[in-house]
PDB file of all heavy atoms in Angstrom:
ATOM      1  N   GLN A   1     289.674  48.072 -11.445  1.00  0.00           N
ATOM      2  CA  GLN A   1     288.960  49.151 -10.755  1.00  0.00           C
ATOM      3  C   GLN A   1     287.619  48.620 -10.263  1.00  0.00           C
ATOM      4  O   GLN A   1     286.829  48.063 -11.025  1.00  0.00           O
ATOM      5  CB  GLN A   1     288.711  50.324 -11.709  1.00  0.00           C
ATOM      6  CG  GLN A   1     288.006  51.501 -11.060  1.00  0.00           C
ATOM      7  CD  GLN A   1     288.974  52.599 -10.663  1.00  0.00           C
ATOM      8  OE1 GLN A   1     289.977  52.820 -11.327  1.00  0.00           O
ATOM      9  NE2 GLN A   1     288.680  53.292  -9.598  1.00  0.00           N
ATOM     10  N   PHE A   2     287.375  48.781  -8.967  1.00  0.00           N
ATOM     11  CA  PHE A   2     286.136  48.321  -8.350  1.00  0.00           C
ATOM     12  C   PHE A   2     285.620  49.431  -7.435  1.00  0.00           C
ATOM     13  O   PHE A   2     286.036  49.526  -6.269  1.00  0.00           O
ATOM     14  CB  PHE A   2     286.359  47.041  -7.547  1.00  0.00           C
ATOM     15  CG  PHE A   2     286.989  45.923  -8.352  1.00  0.00           C
ATOM     16  CD1 PHE A   2     288.371  45.835  -8.461  1.00  0.00           C
ATOM     17  CD2 PHE A   2     286.205  44.989  -9.006  1.00  0.00           C
ATOM     18  CE1 PHE A   2     288.958  44.825  -9.193  1.00  0.00           C
ATOM     19  CE2 PHE A   2     286.789  43.975  -9.751  1.00  0.00           C
ATOM     20  CZ  PHE A   2     288.176  43.895  -9.847  1.00  0.00           C
ATOM     21  N   GLY A   3     284.761  50.282  -7.965  1.00  0.00           N
ATOM     22  CA  GLY A   3     284.272  51.399  -7.166  1.00  0.00           C
ATOM     23  C   GLY A   3     285.413  52.308  -6.751  1.00  0.00           C
ATOM     24  O   GLY A   3     286.187  52.792  -7.588  1.00  0.00           O
ATOM     25  N   CYS A   4     285.539  52.520  -5.442  1.00  0.00           N
ATOM     26  CA  CYS A   4     286.597  53.405  -4.936  1.00  0.00           C
ATOM     27  C   CYS A   4     287.918  52.672  -4.723  1.00  0.00           C
ATOM     28  O   CYS A   4     288.873  53.240  -4.194  1.00  0.00           O
ATOM     29  CB  CYS A   4     286.147  54.077  -3.643  1.00  0.00           C
ATOM     30  SG  CYS A   4     285.721  52.929  -2.317  1.00  0.00           S
ATOM     31  N   PHE A   5     287.987  51.409  -5.134  1.00  0.00           N
ATOM     32  CA  PHE A   5     289.218  50.627  -4.999  1.00  0.00           C
ATOM     33  C   PHE A   5     289.860  50.443  -6.371  1.00  0.00           C
ATOM     34  O   PHE A   5     289.191  50.069  -7.332  1.00  0.00           O
ATOM     35  CB  PHE A   5     288.934  49.248  -4.396  1.00  0.00           C
ATOM     36  CG  PHE A   5     288.445  49.285  -2.979  1.00  0.00           C
ATOM     37  CD1 PHE A   5     287.087  49.353  -2.705  1.00  0.00           C
ATOM     38  CD2 PHE A   5     289.338  49.242  -1.921  1.00  0.00           C
ATOM     39  CE1 PHE A   5     286.625  49.386  -1.401  1.00  0.00           C
ATOM     40  CE2 PHE A   5     288.892  49.273  -0.608  1.00  0.00           C
ATOM     41  CZ  PHE A   5     287.529  49.339  -0.346  1.00  0.00           C
ATOM     42  N   GLU A   6     291.160  50.717  -6.451  1.00  0.00           N
ATOM     43  CA  GLU A   6     291.903  50.469  -7.681  1.00  0.00           C
ATOM     44  C   GLU A   6     293.174  49.702  -7.354  1.00  0.00           C
ATOM     45  O   GLU A   6     293.966  50.114  -6.498  1.00  0.00           O
ATOM     46  CB  GLU A   6     292.265  51.771  -8.391  1.00  0.00           C
ATOM     47  CG  GLU A   6     293.012  51.530  -9.705  1.00  0.00           C
ATOM     48  CD  GLU A   6     293.363  52.810 -10.432  1.00  0.00           C
ATOM     49  OE1 GLU A   6     293.023  53.906  -9.915  1.00  0.00           O
ATOM     50  OE2 GLU A   6     293.993  52.732 -11.509  1.00  0.00           O
ATOM     51  N   PHE A   7     293.363  48.563  -8.029  1.00  0.00           N
ATOM     52  CA  PHE A   7     294.528  47.726  -7.796  1.00  0.00           C
ATOM     53  C   PHE A   7     295.579  47.994  -8.875  1.00  0.00           C
ATOM     54  O   PHE A   7     295.293  47.874 -10.070  1.00  0.00           O
ATOM     55  CB  PHE A   7     294.137  46.248  -7.823  1.00  0.00           C
ATOM     56  CG  PHE A   7     293.266  45.837  -6.671  1.00  0.00           C
ATOM     57  CD1 PHE A   7     291.888  46.020  -6.726  1.00  0.00           C
ATOM     58  CD2 PHE A   7     293.820  45.276  -5.530  1.00  0.00           C
ATOM     59  CE1 PHE A   7     291.071  45.639  -5.667  1.00  0.00           C
ATOM     60  CE2 PHE A   7     293.014  44.896  -4.460  1.00  0.00           C
ATOM     61  CZ  PHE A   7     291.637  45.076  -4.537  1.00  0.00           C
ATOM     62  N   LEU A   8     296.770  48.364  -8.455  1.00  0.00           N
ATOM     63  CA  LEU A   8     297.900  48.538  -9.367  1.00  0.00           C
ATOM     64  C   LEU A   8     298.670  47.217  -9.361  1.00  0.00           C
ATOM     65  O   LEU A   8     299.503  46.974  -8.490  1.00  0.00           O
ATOM     66  CB  LEU A   8     298.781  49.703  -8.911  1.00  0.00           C
ATOM     67  CG  LEU A   8     298.046  51.041  -8.667  1.00  0.00           C
ATOM     68  CD1 LEU A   8     299.029  52.108  -8.200  1.00  0.00           C
ATOM     69  CD2 LEU A   8     297.310  51.488  -9.923  1.00  0.00           C
ATOM     70  N   ILE A   9     298.344  46.362 -10.329  1.00  0.00           N
ATOM     71  CA  ILE A   9     298.820  44.983 -10.302  1.00  0.00           C
ATOM     72  C   ILE A   9     300.340  44.889 -10.343  1.00  0.00           C
ATOM     73  O   ILE A   9     300.959  44.200  -9.527  1.00  0.00           O
ATOM     74  CB  ILE A   9     298.223  44.184 -11.478  1.00  0.00           C
ATOM     75  CG1 ILE A   9     296.692  44.288 -11.478  1.00  0.00           C
ATOM     76  CG2 ILE A   9     298.663  42.726 -11.408  1.00  0.00           C
ATOM     77  CD1 ILE A   9     296.033  43.660 -10.296  1.00  0.00           C
ATOM     78  N   ASP A  10     300.950  45.580 -11.291  1.00  0.00           N
ATOM     79  CA  ASP A  10     302.402  45.457 -11.456  1.00  0.00           C
ATOM     80  C   ASP A  10     303.159  45.956 -10.229  1.00  0.00           C
ATOM     81  O   ASP A  10     304.163  45.382  -9.823  1.00  0.00           O
ATOM     82  CB  ASP A  10     302.861  46.225 -12.693  1.00  0.00           C
ATOM     83  CG  ASP A  10     302.321  45.607 -13.978  1.00  0.00           C
ATOM     84  OD1 ASP A  10     302.016  44.395 -13.961  1.00  0.00           O
ATOM     85  OD2 ASP A  10     302.201  46.326 -14.976  1.00  0.00           O
ATOM     86  N   GLN A  11     302.645  47.033  -9.614  1.00  0.00           N
ATOM     87  CA  GLN A  11     303.308  47.589  -8.424  1.00  0.00           C
ATOM     88  C   GLN A  11     302.840  46.921  -7.140  1.00  0.00           C
ATOM     89  O   GLN A  11     303.393  47.162  -6.074  1.00  0.00           O
ATOM     90  CB  GLN A  11     303.041  49.094  -8.315  1.00  0.00           C
ATOM     91  CG  GLN A  11     303.598  49.914  -9.465  1.00  0.00           C
ATOM     92  CD  GLN A  11     302.566  50.110 -10.578  1.00  0.00           C
ATOM     93  OE1 GLN A  11     301.663  49.294 -10.739  1.00  0.00           O
ATOM     94  NE2 GLN A  11     302.694  51.193 -11.323  1.00  0.00           N
ATOM     95  N   ARG A  12     301.791  46.067  -7.269  1.00  0.00           N
ATOM     96  CA  ARG A  12     301.181  45.396  -6.112  1.00  0.00           C
ATOM     97  C   ARG A  12     300.807  46.422  -5.038  1.00  0.00           C
ATOM     98  O   ARG A  12     301.147  46.285  -3.862  1.00  0.00           O
ATOM     99  CB  ARG A  12     302.125  44.326  -5.559  1.00  0.00           C
ATOM    100  CG  ARG A  12     302.316  43.163  -6.531  1.00  0.00           C
ATOM    101  CD  ARG A  12     303.162  42.065  -5.935  1.00  0.00           C
ATOM    102  NE  ARG A  12     302.590  41.516  -4.719  1.00  0.00           N
ATOM    103  CZ  ARG A  12     301.560  40.663  -4.680  1.00  0.00           C
ATOM    104  NH1 ARG A  12     300.981  40.284  -5.804  1.00  0.00           N
ATOM    105  NH2 ARG A  12     301.112  40.206  -3.541  1.00  0.00           N
ATOM    106  N   GLN A  13     300.085  47.450  -5.489  1.00  0.00           N
ATOM    107  CA  GLN A  13     299.621  48.504  -4.589  1.00  0.00           C
ATOM    108  C   GLN A  13     298.123  48.695  -4.745  1.00  0.00           C
ATOM    109  O   GLN A  13     297.544  48.415  -5.808  1.00  0.00           O
ATOM    110  CB  GLN A  13     300.338  49.820  -4.894  1.00  0.00           C
ATOM    111  CG  GLN A  13     301.834  49.790  -4.603  1.00  0.00           C
ATOM    112  CD  GLN A  13     302.500  51.109  -4.946  1.00  0.00           C
ATOM    113  OE1 GLN A  13     301.880  52.023  -5.487  1.00  0.00           O
ATOM    114  NE2 GLN A  13     303.789  51.217  -4.648  1.00  0.00           N
ATOM    115  N   LEU A  14     297.500  49.196  -3.680  1.00  0.00           N
ATOM    116  CA  LEU A  14     296.060  49.462  -3.692  1.00  0.00           C
ATOM    117  C   LEU A  14     295.805  50.943  -3.470  1.00  0.00           C
ATOM    118  O   LEU A  14     296.401  51.558  -2.584  1.00  0.00           O
ATOM    119  CB  LEU A  14     295.366  48.653  -2.583  1.00  0.00           C
ATOM    120  CG  LEU A  14     293.873  48.964  -2.348  1.00  0.00           C
ATOM    121  CD1 LEU A  14     293.040  48.556  -3.561  1.00  0.00           C
ATOM    122  CD2 LEU A  14     293.374  48.266  -1.090  1.00  0.00           C
ATOM    123  N   LEU A  15     294.916  51.488  -4.302  1.00  0.00           N
ATOM    124  CA  LEU A  15     294.435  52.849  -4.092  1.00  0.00           C
ATOM    125  C   LEU A  15     293.001  52.776  -3.579  1.00  0.00           C
ATOM    126  O   LEU A  15     292.163  52.077  -4.148  1.00  0.00           O
ATOM    127  CB  LEU A  15     294.453  53.648  -5.404  1.00  0.00           C
ATOM    128  CG  LEU A  15     295.801  53.856  -6.091  1.00  0.00           C
ATOM    129  CD1 LEU A  15     295.614  54.678  -7.365  1.00  0.00           C
ATOM    130  CD2 LEU A  15     296.792  54.549  -5.162  1.00  0.00           C
ATOM    131  N   HIS A  16     292.749  53.467  -2.488  1.00  0.00           N
ATOM    132  CA  HIS A  16     291.392  53.547  -1.932  1.00  0.00           C
ATOM    133  C   HIS A  16     290.991  55.009  -1.905  1.00  0.00           C
ATOM    134  O   HIS A  16     291.619  55.817  -1.239  1.00  0.00           O
ATOM    135  CB  HIS A  16     291.345  52.954  -0.522  1.00  0.00           C
ATOM    136  CG  HIS A  16     289.984  52.993   0.094  1.00  0.00           C
ATOM    137  ND1 HIS A  16     289.755  53.409   1.389  1.00  0.00           N
ATOM    138  CD2 HIS A  16     288.764  52.666  -0.416  1.00  0.00           C
ATOM    139  CE1 HIS A  16     288.463  53.342   1.646  1.00  0.00           C
ATOM    140  NE2 HIS A  16     287.838  52.899   0.573  1.00  0.00           N
ATOM    141  N   GLN A  17     289.969  55.348  -2.704  1.00  0.00           N
ATOM    142  CA  GLN A  17     289.539  56.738  -2.859  1.00  0.00           C
ATOM    143  C   GLN A  17     290.707  57.614  -3.322  1.00  0.00           C
ATOM    144  O   GLN A  17     290.882  58.741  -2.881  1.00  0.00           O
ATOM    145  CB  GLN A  17     288.943  57.262  -1.553  1.00  0.00           C
ATOM    146  CG  GLN A  17     287.692  56.497  -1.130  1.00  0.00           C
ATOM    147  CD  GLN A  17     287.118  56.965   0.181  1.00  0.00           C
ATOM    148  OE1 GLN A  17     287.812  57.575   0.992  1.00  0.00           O
ATOM    149  NE2 GLN A  17     285.853  56.665   0.401  1.00  0.00           N
ATOM    150  N   GLY A  18     291.533  57.044  -4.210  1.00  0.00           N
ATOM    151  CA  GLY A  18     292.643  57.769  -4.810  1.00  0.00           C
ATOM    152  C   GLY A  18     293.902  57.838  -3.968  1.00  0.00           C
ATOM    153  O   GLY A  18     294.897  58.409  -4.413  1.00  0.00           O
ATOM    154  N   LYS A  19     293.885  57.263  -2.786  1.00  0.00           N
ATOM    155  CA  LYS A  19     295.048  57.331  -1.902  1.00  0.00           C
ATOM    156  C   LYS A  19     295.669  55.945  -1.734  1.00  0.00           C
ATOM    157  O   LYS A  19     294.965  54.944  -1.645  1.00  0.00           O
ATOM    158  CB  LYS A  19     294.642  57.876  -0.530  1.00  0.00           C
ATOM    159  CG  LYS A  19     294.087  59.300  -0.581  1.00  0.00           C
ATOM    160  CD  LYS A  19     293.705  59.768   0.813  1.00  0.00           C
ATOM    161  CE  LYS A  19     293.155  61.196   0.781  1.00  0.00           C
ATOM    162  NZ  LYS A  19     292.755  61.661   2.139  1.00  0.00           N
ATOM    163  N   HIS A  20     297.006  55.932  -1.681  1.00  0.00           N
ATOM    164  CA  HIS A  20     297.719  54.672  -1.490  1.00  0.00           C
ATOM    165  C   HIS A  20     297.427  54.092  -0.111  1.00  0.00           C
ATOM    166  O   HIS A  20     297.398  54.808   0.888  1.00  0.00           O
ATOM    167  CB  HIS A  20     299.234  54.883  -1.639  1.00  0.00           C
ATOM    168  CG  HIS A  20     299.668  55.042  -3.062  1.00  0.00           C
ATOM    169  ND1 HIS A  20     299.959  53.974  -3.887  1.00  0.00           N
ATOM    170  CD2 HIS A  20     299.840  56.154  -3.824  1.00  0.00           C
ATOM    171  CE1 HIS A  20     300.302  54.415  -5.081  1.00  0.00           C
ATOM    172  NE2 HIS A  20     300.250  55.738  -5.081  1.00  0.00           N
ATOM    173  N   VAL A  21     297.204  52.800  -0.088  1.00  0.00           N
ATOM    174  CA  VAL A  21     296.940  52.081   1.157  1.00  0.00           C
ATOM    175  C   VAL A  21     298.024  51.031   1.340  1.00  0.00           C
ATOM    176  O   VAL A  21     298.330  50.277   0.404  1.00  0.00           O
ATOM    177  CB  VAL A  21     295.558  51.394   1.111  1.00  0.00           C
ATOM    178  CG1 VAL A  21     295.337  50.571   2.377  1.00  0.00           C
ATOM    179  CG2 VAL A  21     294.456  52.425   0.942  1.00  0.00           C
ATOM    180  N   ARG A  22     298.596  50.971   2.512  1.00  0.00           N
ATOM    181  CA  ARG A  22     299.634  49.977   2.784  1.00  0.00           C
ATOM    182  C   ARG A  22     298.978  48.646   3.142  1.00  0.00           C
ATOM    183  O   ARG A  22     298.159  48.555   4.048  1.00  0.00           O
ATOM    184  CB  ARG A  22     300.531  50.440   3.927  1.00  0.00           C
ATOM    185  CG  ARG A  22     301.366  51.665   3.592  1.00  0.00           C
ATOM    186  CD  ARG A  22     302.361  51.969   4.684  1.00  0.00           C
ATOM    187  NE  ARG A  22     303.331  50.887   4.856  1.00  0.00           N
ATOM    188  CZ  ARG A  22     304.312  50.902   5.768  1.00  0.00           C
ATOM    189  NH1 ARG A  22     304.431  51.949   6.584  1.00  0.00           N
ATOM    190  NH2 ARG A  22     305.149  49.906   5.863  1.00  0.00           N
ATOM    191  N   LEU A  23     299.349  47.616   2.404  1.00  0.00           N
ATOM    192  CA  LEU A  23     298.829  46.277   2.647  1.00  0.00           C
ATOM    193  C   LEU A  23     299.977  45.277   2.664  1.00  0.00           C
ATOM    194  O   LEU A  23     300.964  45.437   1.939  1.00  0.00           O
ATOM    195  CB  LEU A  23     297.841  45.856   1.546  1.00  0.00           C
ATOM    196  CG  LEU A  23     296.479  46.542   1.484  1.00  0.00           C
ATOM    197  CD1 LEU A  23     295.721  46.038   0.261  1.00  0.00           C
ATOM    198  CD2 LEU A  23     295.674  46.288   2.748  1.00  0.00           C
ATOM    199  N   ARG A  24     299.807  44.255   3.473  1.00  0.00           N
ATOM    200  CA  ARG A  24     300.750  43.149   3.402  1.00  0.00           C
ATOM    201  C   ARG A  24     300.497  42.386   2.105  1.00  0.00           C
ATOM    202  O   ARG A  24     299.395  42.417   1.561  1.00  0.00           O
ATOM    203  CB  ARG A  24     300.548  42.216   4.604  1.00  0.00           C
ATOM    204  CG  ARG A  24     300.780  42.890   5.959  1.00  0.00           C
ATOM    205  CD  ARG A  24     300.398  41.956   7.089  1.00  0.00           C
ATOM    206  NE  ARG A  24     300.572  42.597   8.387  1.00  0.00           N
ATOM    207  CZ  ARG A  24     300.214  42.040   9.549  1.00  0.00           C
ATOM    208  NH1 ARG A  24     299.648  40.845   9.546  1.00  0.00           N
ATOM    209  NH2 ARG A  24     300.417  42.687  10.679  1.00  0.00           N
ATOM    210  N   PRO A  25     301.521  41.686   1.585  1.00  0.00           N
ATOM    211  CA  PRO A  25     301.350  40.965   0.315  1.00  0.00           C
ATOM    212  C   PRO A  25     300.131  40.046   0.300  1.00  0.00           C
ATOM    213  O   PRO A  25     299.385  40.013  -0.678  1.00  0.00           O
ATOM    214  CB  PRO A  25     302.659  40.174   0.181  1.00  0.00           C
ATOM    215  CG  PRO A  25     303.662  41.016   0.912  1.00  0.00           C
ATOM    216  CD  PRO A  25     302.921  41.598   2.082  1.00  0.00           C
ATOM    217  N   ARG A  26     299.915  39.311   1.383  1.00  0.00           N
ATOM    218  CA  ARG A  26     298.772  38.387   1.402  1.00  0.00           C
ATOM    219  C   ARG A  26     297.453  39.138   1.484  1.00  0.00           C
ATOM    220  O   ARG A  26     296.443  38.699   0.934  1.00  0.00           O
ATOM    221  CB  ARG A  26     298.910  37.400   2.561  1.00  0.00           C
ATOM    222  CG  ARG A  26     297.855  36.306   2.554  1.00  0.00           C
ATOM    223  CD  ARG A  26     298.299  35.099   3.327  1.00  0.00           C
ATOM    224  NE  ARG A  26     299.307  34.351   2.603  1.00  0.00           N
ATOM    225  CZ  ARG A  26     300.068  33.407   3.154  1.00  0.00           C
ATOM    226  NH1 ARG A  26     299.936  33.114   4.438  1.00  0.00           N
ATOM    227  NH2 ARG A  26     300.951  32.752   2.433  1.00  0.00           N
ATOM    228  N   GLU A  27     297.433  40.270   2.151  1.00  0.00           N
ATOM    229  CA  GLU A  27     296.221  41.083   2.199  1.00  0.00           C
ATOM    230  C   GLU A  27     295.878  41.602   0.801  1.00  0.00           C
ATOM    231  O   GLU A  27     294.708  41.614   0.409  1.00  0.00           O
ATOM    232  CB  GLU A  27     296.412  42.248   3.177  1.00  0.00           C
ATOM    233  CG  GLU A  27     296.478  41.846   4.628  1.00  0.00           C
ATOM    234  CD  GLU A  27     296.781  43.029   5.548  1.00  0.00           C
ATOM    235  OE1 GLU A  27     297.461  43.969   5.090  1.00  0.00           O
ATOM    236  OE2 GLU A  27     296.335  43.003   6.712  1.00  0.00           O
ATOM    237  N   PHE A  28     296.904  42.034   0.073  1.00  0.00           N
ATOM    238  CA  PHE A  28     296.685  42.503  -1.302  1.00  0.00           C
ATOM    239  C   PHE A  28     296.115  41.382  -2.157  1.00  0.00           C
ATOM    240  O   PHE A  28     295.129  41.567  -2.883  1.00  0.00           O
ATOM    241  CB  PHE A  28     298.005  43.004  -1.895  1.00  0.00           C
ATOM    242  CG  PHE A  28     297.895  43.478  -3.317  1.00  0.00           C
ATOM    243  CD1 PHE A  28     297.583  44.801  -3.600  1.00  0.00           C
ATOM    244  CD2 PHE A  28     298.103  42.600  -4.376  1.00  0.00           C
ATOM    245  CE1 PHE A  28     297.468  45.243  -4.920  1.00  0.00           C
ATOM    246  CE2 PHE A  28     297.996  43.029  -5.694  1.00  0.00           C
ATOM    247  CZ  PHE A  28     297.677  44.358  -5.960  1.00  0.00           C
ATOM    248  N   ASP A  29     296.723  40.197  -2.089  1.00  0.00           N
ATOM    249  CA  ASP A  29     296.269  39.064  -2.897  1.00  0.00           C
ATOM    250  C   ASP A  29     294.841  38.666  -2.530  1.00  0.00           C
ATOM    251  O   ASP A  29     294.039  38.331  -3.413  1.00  0.00           O
ATOM    252  CB  ASP A  29     297.205  37.870  -2.714  1.00  0.00           C
ATOM    253  CG  ASP A  29     298.586  38.103  -3.312  1.00  0.00           C
ATOM    254  OD1 ASP A  29     298.696  38.944  -4.219  1.00  0.00           O
ATOM    255  OD2 ASP A  29     299.544  37.455  -2.859  1.00  0.00           O
ATOM    256  N   LEU A  30     294.530  38.683  -1.252  1.00  0.00           N
ATOM    257  CA  LEU A  30     293.193  38.305  -0.805  1.00  0.00           C
ATOM    258  C   LEU A  30     292.141  39.282  -1.306  1.00  0.00           C
ATOM    259  O   LEU A  30     291.102  38.881  -1.849  1.00  0.00           O
ATOM    260  CB  LEU A  30     293.161  38.222   0.726  1.00  0.00           C
ATOM    261  CG  LEU A  30     291.801  37.913   1.359  1.00  0.00           C
ATOM    262  CD1 LEU A  30     291.239  36.601   0.832  1.00  0.00           C
ATOM    263  CD2 LEU A  30     291.920  37.885   2.876  1.00  0.00           C
TER     264      LEU A  30
END
């Protein structure tokens, strides 16, 4: 958890301000 960003590692998903954000795999890793 970093401020309004939360990384769901196992699901490889990003939450921004509580909402799911679609990212490419490399964007998520970066």
